[in-house]
Amino acid sequence: MIVSSFCIHAVASRKARNKAVADLIKLLRPGGQIAILDILHTNEYKKVFEQQGLINIRRSPMKFLYCMPSRYVIAEKK
């Protein structure tokens, strides 16, 4: 399992963020899961998950964790 918590949003450009997410997906073994908790860009991460062929993709409703609006996106590699 790969977990990212409140960090990918700090990557400046969309292209670089999407590449970072895609690079994390490459590290997953079949059946592995990735979970990204962040304050921004979770819909963007979800699209990368879809483009990379991940399954069981789930995006949470907005939560106020540590007083910051945040969402998580979770998926599994075939």
PDB file of N, CA and C in Angstrom:
ATOM      1  N   MET A   1       0.846  -1.177   0.000  1.00  0.00           N
ATOM      2  CA  MET A   1       0.000   0.000   0.000  1.00  0.00           C
ATOM      3  C   MET A   1       0.890   1.239   0.000  1.00  0.00           C
ATOM      4  N   ILE A   2       0.434   2.230  -0.745  1.00  0.00           N
ATOM      5  CA  ILE A   2       1.108   3.528  -0.771  1.00  0.00           C
ATOM      6  C   ILE A   2       0.148   4.551  -0.198  1.00  0.00           C
ATOM      7  N   VAL A   3       0.629   5.364   0.731  1.00  0.00           N
ATOM      8  CA  VAL A   3      -0.185   6.404   1.351  1.00  0.00           C
ATOM      9  C   VAL A   3       0.545   7.737   1.213  1.00  0.00           C
ATOM     10  N   SER A   4      -0.177   8.738   0.745  1.00  0.00           N
ATOM     11  CA  SER A   4       0.347  10.096   0.664  1.00  0.00           C
ATOM     12  C   SER A   4      -0.604  10.986   1.453  1.00  0.00           C
ATOM     13  N   SER A   5      -0.059  11.787   2.328  1.00  0.00           N
ATOM     14  CA  SER A   5      -0.898  12.606   3.200  1.00  0.00           C
ATOM     15  C   SER A   5      -0.459  14.069   3.152  1.00  0.00           C
ATOM     16  N   PHE A   6      -1.316  14.897   2.593  1.00  0.00           N
ATOM     17  CA  PHE A   6      -1.128  16.350   2.561  1.00  0.00           C
ATOM     18  C   PHE A   6       0.211  16.792   1.966  1.00  0.00           C
ATOM     19  N   CYS A   7       0.615  16.201   0.828  1.00  0.00           N
ATOM     20  CA  CYS A   7       1.887  16.672   0.260  1.00  0.00           C
ATOM     21  C   CYS A   7       1.853  16.929  -1.252  1.00  0.00           C
ATOM     22  N   ILE A   8       1.128  16.145  -2.021  1.00  0.00           N
ATOM     23  CA  ILE A   8       1.211  16.292  -3.479  1.00  0.00           C
ATOM     24  C   ILE A   8       0.662  17.640  -3.945  1.00  0.00           C
ATOM     25  N   HIS A   9      -0.268  18.233  -3.206  1.00  0.00           N
ATOM     26  CA  HIS A   9      -0.802  19.541  -3.593  1.00  0.00           C
ATOM     27  C   HIS A   9       0.286  20.606  -3.673  1.00  0.00           C
ATOM     28  N   ALA A  10       1.400  20.380  -2.987  1.00  0.00           N
ATOM     29  CA  ALA A  10       2.488  21.360  -2.960  1.00  0.00           C
ATOM     30  C   ALA A  10       3.338  21.338  -4.235  1.00  0.00           C
ATOM     31  N   VAL A  11       3.160  20.329  -5.072  1.00  0.00           N
ATOM     32  CA  VAL A  11       3.864  20.289  -6.360  1.00  0.00           C
ATOM     33  C   VAL A  11       3.224  21.364  -7.240  1.00  0.00           C
ATOM     34  N   ALA A  12       4.041  22.232  -7.783  1.00  0.00           N
ATOM     35  CA  ALA A  12       3.547  23.467  -8.403  1.00  0.00           C
ATOM     36  C   ALA A  12       2.656  23.287  -9.631  1.00  0.00           C
ATOM     37  N   SER A  13       3.040  22.451 -10.564  1.00  0.00           N
ATOM     38  CA  SER A  13       2.272  22.374 -11.813  1.00  0.00           C
ATOM     39  C   SER A  13       1.410  21.120 -11.872  1.00  0.00           C
ATOM     40  N   ARG A  14       0.311  21.222 -12.609  1.00  0.00           N
ATOM     41  CA  ARG A  14      -0.583  20.072 -12.793  1.00  0.00           C
ATOM     42  C   ARG A  14       0.172  18.910 -13.437  1.00  0.00           C
ATOM     43  N   LYS A  15       0.959  19.208 -14.444  1.00  0.00           N
ATOM     44  CA  LYS A  15       1.713  18.166 -15.150  1.00  0.00           C
ATOM     45  C   LYS A  15       2.627  17.417 -14.177  1.00  0.00           C
ATOM     46  N   ALA A  16       3.326  18.145 -13.332  1.00  0.00           N
ATOM     47  CA  ALA A  16       4.243  17.526 -12.368  1.00  0.00           C
ATOM     48  C   ALA A  16       3.469  16.741 -11.301  1.00  0.00           C
ATOM     49  N   ARG A  17       2.320  17.247 -10.859  1.00  0.00           N
ATOM     50  CA  ARG A  17       1.495  16.508  -9.889  1.00  0.00           C
ATOM     51  C   ARG A  17       0.998  15.203 -10.492  1.00  0.00           C
ATOM     52  N   ASN A  18       0.491  15.286 -11.719  1.00  0.00           N
ATOM     53  CA  ASN A  18      -0.004  14.072 -12.372  1.00  0.00           C
ATOM     54  C   ASN A  18       1.106  13.051 -12.575  1.00  0.00           C
ATOM     55  N   LYS A  19       2.303  13.526 -12.907  1.00  0.00           N
ATOM     56  CA  LYS A  19       3.445  12.625 -13.057  1.00  0.00           C
ATOM     57  C   LYS A  19       3.804  11.996 -11.717  1.00  0.00           C
ATOM     58  N   ALA A  20       3.766  12.769 -10.648  1.00  0.00           N
ATOM     59  CA  ALA A  20       4.067  12.233  -9.314  1.00  0.00           C
ATOM     60  C   ALA A  20       3.090  11.120  -8.948  1.00  0.00           C
ATOM     61  N   VAL A  21       1.801  11.344  -9.215  1.00  0.00           N
ATOM     62  CA  VAL A  21       0.792  10.314  -8.924  1.00  0.00           C
ATOM     63  C   VAL A  21       1.029   9.089  -9.800  1.00  0.00           C
ATOM     64  N   ALA A  22       1.279   9.297 -11.087  1.00  0.00           N
ATOM     65  CA  ALA A  22       1.539   8.173 -11.994  1.00  0.00           C
ATOM     66  C   ALA A  22       2.782   7.389 -11.559  1.00  0.00           C
ATOM     67  N   ASP A  23       3.810   8.087 -11.102  1.00  0.00           N
ATOM     68  CA  ASP A  23       5.028   7.407 -10.627  1.00  0.00           C
ATOM     69  C   ASP A  23       4.742   6.565  -9.381  1.00  0.00           C
ATOM     70  N   LEU A  24       3.892   7.058  -8.488  1.00  0.00           N
ATOM     71  CA  LEU A  24       3.518   6.264  -7.317  1.00  0.00           C
ATOM     72  C   LEU A  24       2.778   4.998  -7.745  1.00  0.00           C
ATOM     73  N   ILE A  25       1.895   5.134  -8.725  1.00  0.00           N
ATOM     74  CA  ILE A  25       1.132   3.978  -9.208  1.00  0.00           C
ATOM     75  C   ILE A  25       2.067   2.918  -9.772  1.00  0.00           C
ATOM     76  N   LYS A  26       3.135   3.330 -10.437  1.00  0.00           N
ATOM     77  CA  LYS A  26       4.101   2.375 -10.996  1.00  0.00           C
ATOM     78  C   LYS A  26       4.729   1.509  -9.908  1.00  0.00           C
ATOM     79  N   LEU A  27       4.827   2.037  -8.699  1.00  0.00           N
ATOM     80  CA  LEU A  27       5.430   1.290  -7.596  1.00  0.00           C
ATOM     81  C   LEU A  27       4.513   0.205  -7.030  1.00  0.00           C
ATOM     82  N   LEU A  28       3.216   0.296  -7.338  1.00  0.00           N
ATOM     83  CA  LEU A  28       2.253  -0.661  -6.798  1.00  0.00           C
ATOM     84  C   LEU A  28       2.380  -2.029  -7.456  1.00  0.00           C
ATOM     85  N   ARG A  29       2.285  -3.057  -6.652  1.00  0.00           N
ATOM     86  CA  ARG A  29       2.172  -4.415  -7.179  1.00  0.00           C
ATOM     87  C   ARG A  29       0.708  -4.667  -7.532  1.00  0.00           C
ATOM     88  N   PRO A  30       0.432  -5.654  -8.381  1.00  0.00           N
ATOM     89  CA  PRO A  30      -0.964  -6.014  -8.628  1.00  0.00           C
ATOM     90  C   PRO A  30      -1.662  -6.338  -7.299  1.00  0.00           C
ATOM     91  N   GLY A  31      -2.853  -5.793  -7.134  1.00  0.00           N
ATOM     92  CA  GLY A  31      -3.597  -5.968  -5.891  1.00  0.00           C
ATOM     93  C   GLY A  31      -3.257  -4.927  -4.844  1.00  0.00           C
ATOM     94  N   GLY A  32      -2.226  -4.124  -5.089  1.00  0.00           N
ATOM     95  CA  GLY A  32      -1.834  -3.082  -4.147  1.00  0.00           C
ATOM     96  C   GLY A  32      -2.801  -1.916  -4.186  1.00  0.00           C
ATOM     97  N   GLN A  33      -2.823  -1.154  -3.115  1.00  0.00           N
ATOM     98  CA  GLN A  33      -3.712  -0.008  -3.006  1.00  0.00           C
ATOM     99  C   GLN A  33      -2.914   1.277  -2.832  1.00  0.00           C
ATOM    100  N   ILE A  34      -3.506   2.357  -3.313  1.00  0.00           N
ATOM    101  CA  ILE A  34      -2.934   3.684  -3.126  1.00  0.00           C
ATOM    102  C   ILE A  34      -4.004   4.563  -2.491  1.00  0.00           C
ATOM    103  N   ALA A  35      -3.601   5.374  -1.529  1.00  0.00           N
ATOM    104  CA  ALA A  35      -4.514   6.299  -0.860  1.00  0.00           C
ATOM    105  C   ALA A  35      -3.832   7.658  -0.787  1.00  0.00           C
ATOM    106  N   ILE A  36      -4.515   8.675  -1.281  1.00  0.00           N
ATOM    107  CA  ILE A  36      -3.992  10.036  -1.235  1.00  0.00           C
ATOM    108  C   ILE A  36      -4.975  10.898  -0.450  1.00  0.00           C
ATOM    109  N   LEU A  37      -4.517  11.476   0.636  1.00  0.00           N
ATOM    110  CA  LEU A  37      -5.288  12.423   1.438  1.00  0.00           C
ATOM    111  C   LEU A  37      -4.703  13.798   1.163  1.00  0.00           C
ATOM    112  N   ASP A  38      -5.543  14.730   0.746  1.00  0.00           N
ATOM    113  CA  ASP A  38      -5.001  16.044   0.396  1.00  0.00           C
ATOM    114  C   ASP A  38      -6.074  17.123   0.509  1.00  0.00           C
ATOM    115  N   ILE A  39      -5.631  18.367   0.477  1.00  0.00           N
ATOM    116  CA  ILE A  39      -6.556  19.489   0.605  1.00  0.00           C
ATOM    117  C   ILE A  39      -7.014  20.013  -0.749  1.00  0.00           C
ATOM    118  N   LEU A  40      -6.286  19.717  -1.795  1.00  0.00           N
ATOM    119  CA  LEU A  40      -6.607  20.171  -3.147  1.00  0.00           C
ATOM    120  C   LEU A  40      -6.375  19.045  -4.157  1.00  0.00           C
ATOM    121  N   HIS A  41      -6.946  19.183  -5.330  1.00  0.00           N
ATOM    122  CA  HIS A  41      -6.626  18.370  -6.506  1.00  0.00           C
ATOM    123  C   HIS A  41      -7.056  16.895  -6.444  1.00  0.00           C
ATOM    124  N   THR A  42      -7.917  16.504  -5.525  1.00  0.00           N
ATOM    125  CA  THR A  42      -8.265  15.080  -5.438  1.00  0.00           C
ATOM    126  C   THR A  42      -9.031  14.595  -6.667  1.00  0.00           C
ATOM    127  N   ASN A  43      -9.799  15.468  -7.300  1.00  0.00           N
ATOM    128  CA  ASN A  43     -10.481  15.052  -8.532  1.00  0.00           C
ATOM    129  C   ASN A  43      -9.462  14.808  -9.637  1.00  0.00           C
ATOM    130  N   GLU A  44      -8.414  15.603  -9.656  1.00  0.00           N
ATOM    131  CA  GLU A  44      -7.312  15.427 -10.606  1.00  0.00           C
ATOM    132  C   GLU A  44      -6.622  14.069 -10.371  1.00  0.00           C
ATOM    133  N   TYR A  45      -6.355  13.737  -9.113  1.00  0.00           N
ATOM    134  CA  TYR A  45      -5.724  12.446  -8.790  1.00  0.00           C
ATOM    135  C   TYR A  45      -6.625  11.302  -9.226  1.00  0.00           C
ATOM    136  N   LYS A  46      -7.922  11.458  -9.014  1.00  0.00           N
ATOM    137  CA  LYS A  46      -8.891  10.429  -9.418  1.00  0.00           C
ATOM    138  C   LYS A  46      -8.816  10.192 -10.925  1.00  0.00           C
ATOM    139  N   LYS A  47      -8.699  11.254 -11.699  1.00  0.00           N
ATOM    140  CA  LYS A  47      -8.584  11.114 -13.161  1.00  0.00           C
ATOM    141  C   LYS A  47      -7.318  10.369 -13.552  1.00  0.00           C
ATOM    142  N   VAL A  48      -6.219  10.638 -12.856  1.00  0.00           N
ATOM    143  CA  VAL A  48      -4.974   9.905 -13.131  1.00  0.00           C
ATOM    144  C   VAL A  48      -5.162   8.429 -12.798  1.00  0.00           C
ATOM    145  N   PHE A  49      -5.818   8.133 -11.683  1.00  0.00           N
ATOM    146  CA  PHE A  49      -6.108   6.740 -11.322  1.00  0.00           C
ATOM    147  C   PHE A  49      -6.874   6.058 -12.449  1.00  0.00           C
ATOM    148  N   GLU A  50      -7.895   6.741 -12.973  1.00  0.00           N
ATOM    149  CA  GLU A  50      -8.697   6.174 -14.057  1.00  0.00           C
ATOM    150  C   GLU A  50      -7.849   5.954 -15.307  1.00  0.00           C
ATOM    151  N   GLN A  51      -7.037   6.941 -15.675  1.00  0.00           N
ATOM    152  CA  GLN A  51      -6.179   6.847 -16.865  1.00  0.00           C
ATOM    153  C   GLN A  51      -5.166   5.718 -16.740  1.00  0.00           C
ATOM    154  N   GLN A  52      -4.719   5.444 -15.525  1.00  0.00           N
ATOM    155  CA  GLN A  52      -3.718   4.403 -15.288  1.00  0.00           C
ATOM    156  C   GLN A  52      -4.354   3.016 -15.116  1.00  0.00           C
ATOM    157  N   GLY A  53      -5.678   2.937 -15.219  1.00  0.00           N
ATOM    158  CA  GLY A  53      -6.365   1.655 -15.179  1.00  0.00           C
ATOM    159  C   GLY A  53      -6.600   1.080 -13.793  1.00  0.00           C
ATOM    160  N   LEU A  54      -6.545   1.924 -12.762  1.00  0.00           N
ATOM    161  CA  LEU A  54      -6.818   1.431 -11.417  1.00  0.00           C
ATOM    162  C   LEU A  54      -8.304   1.108 -11.274  1.00  0.00           C
ATOM    163  N   ILE A  55      -8.614   0.278 -10.300  1.00  0.00           N
ATOM    164  CA  ILE A  55      -9.999  -0.149 -10.083  1.00  0.00           C
ATOM    165  C   ILE A  55     -10.445   0.216  -8.669  1.00  0.00           C
ATOM    166  N   ASN A  56     -11.738   0.070  -8.422  1.00  0.00           N
ATOM    167  CA  ASN A  56     -12.322   0.362  -7.103  1.00  0.00           C
ATOM    168  C   ASN A  56     -11.928   1.757  -6.607  1.00  0.00           C
ATOM    169  N   ILE A  57     -12.021   2.720  -7.487  1.00  0.00           N
ATOM    170  CA  ILE A  57     -11.639   4.103  -7.155  1.00  0.00           C
ATOM    171  C   ILE A  57     -12.751   4.754  -6.339  1.00  0.00           C
ATOM    172  N   ARG A  58     -12.353   5.319  -5.212  1.00  0.00           N
ATOM    173  CA  ARG A  58     -13.308   5.997  -4.334  1.00  0.00           C
ATOM    174  C   ARG A  58     -12.740   7.355  -3.925  1.00  0.00           C
ATOM    175  N   ARG A  59     -13.589   8.362  -3.989  1.00  0.00           N
ATOM    176  CA  ARG A  59     -13.216   9.714  -3.553  1.00  0.00           C
ATOM    177  C   ARG A  59     -14.201  10.130  -2.461  1.00  0.00           C
ATOM    178  N   SER A  60     -13.677  10.523  -1.342  1.00  0.00           N
ATOM    179  CA  SER A  60     -14.525  10.831  -0.187  1.00  0.00           C
ATOM    180  C   SER A  60     -15.214  12.178  -0.346  1.00  0.00           C
ATOM    181  N   PRO A  61     -16.286  12.374   0.411  1.00  0.00           N
ATOM    182  CA  PRO A  61     -16.835  13.723   0.517  1.00  0.00           C
ATOM    183  C   PRO A  61     -15.857  14.600   1.299  1.00  0.00           C
ATOM    184  N   MET A  62     -16.073  15.897   1.242  1.00  0.00           N
ATOM    185  CA  MET A  62     -15.204  16.834   1.960  1.00  0.00           C
ATOM    186  C   MET A  62     -15.290  16.563   3.461  1.00  0.00           C
ATOM    187  N   LYS A  63     -14.136  16.495   4.085  1.00  0.00           N
ATOM    188  CA  LYS A  63     -14.030  16.335   5.538  1.00  0.00           C
ATOM    189  C   LYS A  63     -13.242  17.527   6.072  1.00  0.00           C
ATOM    190  N   PHE A  64     -13.381  17.789   7.344  1.00  0.00           N
ATOM    191  CA  PHE A  64     -12.607  18.856   7.971  1.00  0.00           C
ATOM    192  C   PHE A  64     -11.672  18.228   8.991  1.00  0.00           C
ATOM    193  N   LEU A  65     -10.600  17.644   8.465  1.00  0.00           N
ATOM    194  CA  LEU A  65      -9.604  16.968   9.272  1.00  0.00           C
ATOM    195  C   LEU A  65      -8.563  17.985   9.723  1.00  0.00           C
ATOM    196  N   TYR A  66      -8.321  18.062  10.991  1.00  0.00           N
ATOM    197  CA  TYR A  66      -7.367  19.032  11.538  1.00  0.00           C
ATOM    198  C   TYR A  66      -7.731  20.458  11.117  1.00  0.00           C
ATOM    199  N   CYS A  67      -9.026  20.726  10.985  1.00  0.00           N
ATOM    200  CA  CYS A  67      -9.559  22.040  10.614  1.00  0.00           C
ATOM    201  C   CYS A  67      -9.242  22.443   9.176  1.00  0.00           C
ATOM    202  N   MET A  68      -8.751  21.506   8.358  1.00  0.00           N
ATOM    203  CA  MET A  68      -8.502  21.788   6.951  1.00  0.00           C
ATOM    204  C   MET A  68      -9.504  20.995   6.119  1.00  0.00           C
ATOM    205  N   PRO A  69     -10.128  21.630   5.141  1.00  0.00           N
ATOM    206  CA  PRO A  69     -11.000  20.860   4.263  1.00  0.00           C
ATOM    207  C   PRO A  69     -10.148  19.881   3.456  1.00  0.00           C
ATOM    208  N   SER A  70     -10.495  18.619   3.494  1.00  0.00           N
ATOM    209  CA  SER A  70      -9.680  17.613   2.809  1.00  0.00           C
ATOM    210  C   SER A  70     -10.560  16.490   2.292  1.00  0.00           C
ATOM    211  N   ARG A  71     -10.013  15.729   1.363  1.00  0.00           N
ATOM    212  CA  ARG A  71     -10.651  14.543   0.799  1.00  0.00           C
ATOM    213  C   ARG A  71      -9.576  13.478   0.636  1.00  0.00           C
ATOM    214  N   TYR A  72     -10.024  12.233   0.553  1.00  0.00           N
ATOM    215  CA  TYR A  72      -9.092  11.178   0.184  1.00  0.00           C
ATOM    216  C   TYR A  72      -9.579  10.520  -1.094  1.00  0.00           C
ATOM    217  N   VAL A  73      -8.635   9.943  -1.823  1.00  0.00           N
ATOM    218  CA  VAL A  73      -8.923   9.152  -2.999  1.00  0.00           C
ATOM    219  C   VAL A  73      -8.176   7.837  -2.806  1.00  0.00           C
ATOM    220  N   ILE A  74      -8.886   6.736  -2.977  1.00  0.00           N
ATOM    221  CA  ILE A  74      -8.307   5.408  -2.788  1.00  0.00           C
ATOM    222  C   ILE A  74      -8.597   4.571  -4.021  1.00  0.00           C
ATOM    223  N   ALA A  75      -7.641   3.746  -4.440  1.00  0.00           N
ATOM    224  CA  ALA A  75      -7.845   2.864  -5.582  1.00  0.00           C
ATOM    225  C   ALA A  75      -6.964   1.630  -5.441  1.00  0.00           C
ATOM    226  N   GLU A  76      -7.197   0.682  -6.334  1.00  0.00           N
ATOM    227  CA  GLU A  76      -6.467  -0.589  -6.308  1.00  0.00           C
ATOM    228  C   GLU A  76      -5.940  -0.892  -7.704  1.00  0.00           C
ATOM    229  N   LYS A  77      -4.762  -1.482  -7.763  1.00  0.00           N
ATOM    230  CA  LYS A  77      -4.183  -1.879  -9.037  1.00  0.00           C
ATOM    231  C   LYS A  77      -4.630  -3.287  -9.364  1.00  0.00           C
ATOM    232  N   LYS A  78      -5.030  -3.506 -10.613  1.00  0.00           N
ATOM    233  CA  LYS A  78      -5.447  -4.842 -11.058  1.00  0.00           C
ATOM    234  C   LYS A  78      -4.330  -5.840 -10.908  1.00  0.00           C
TER     235      LYS A  78
END
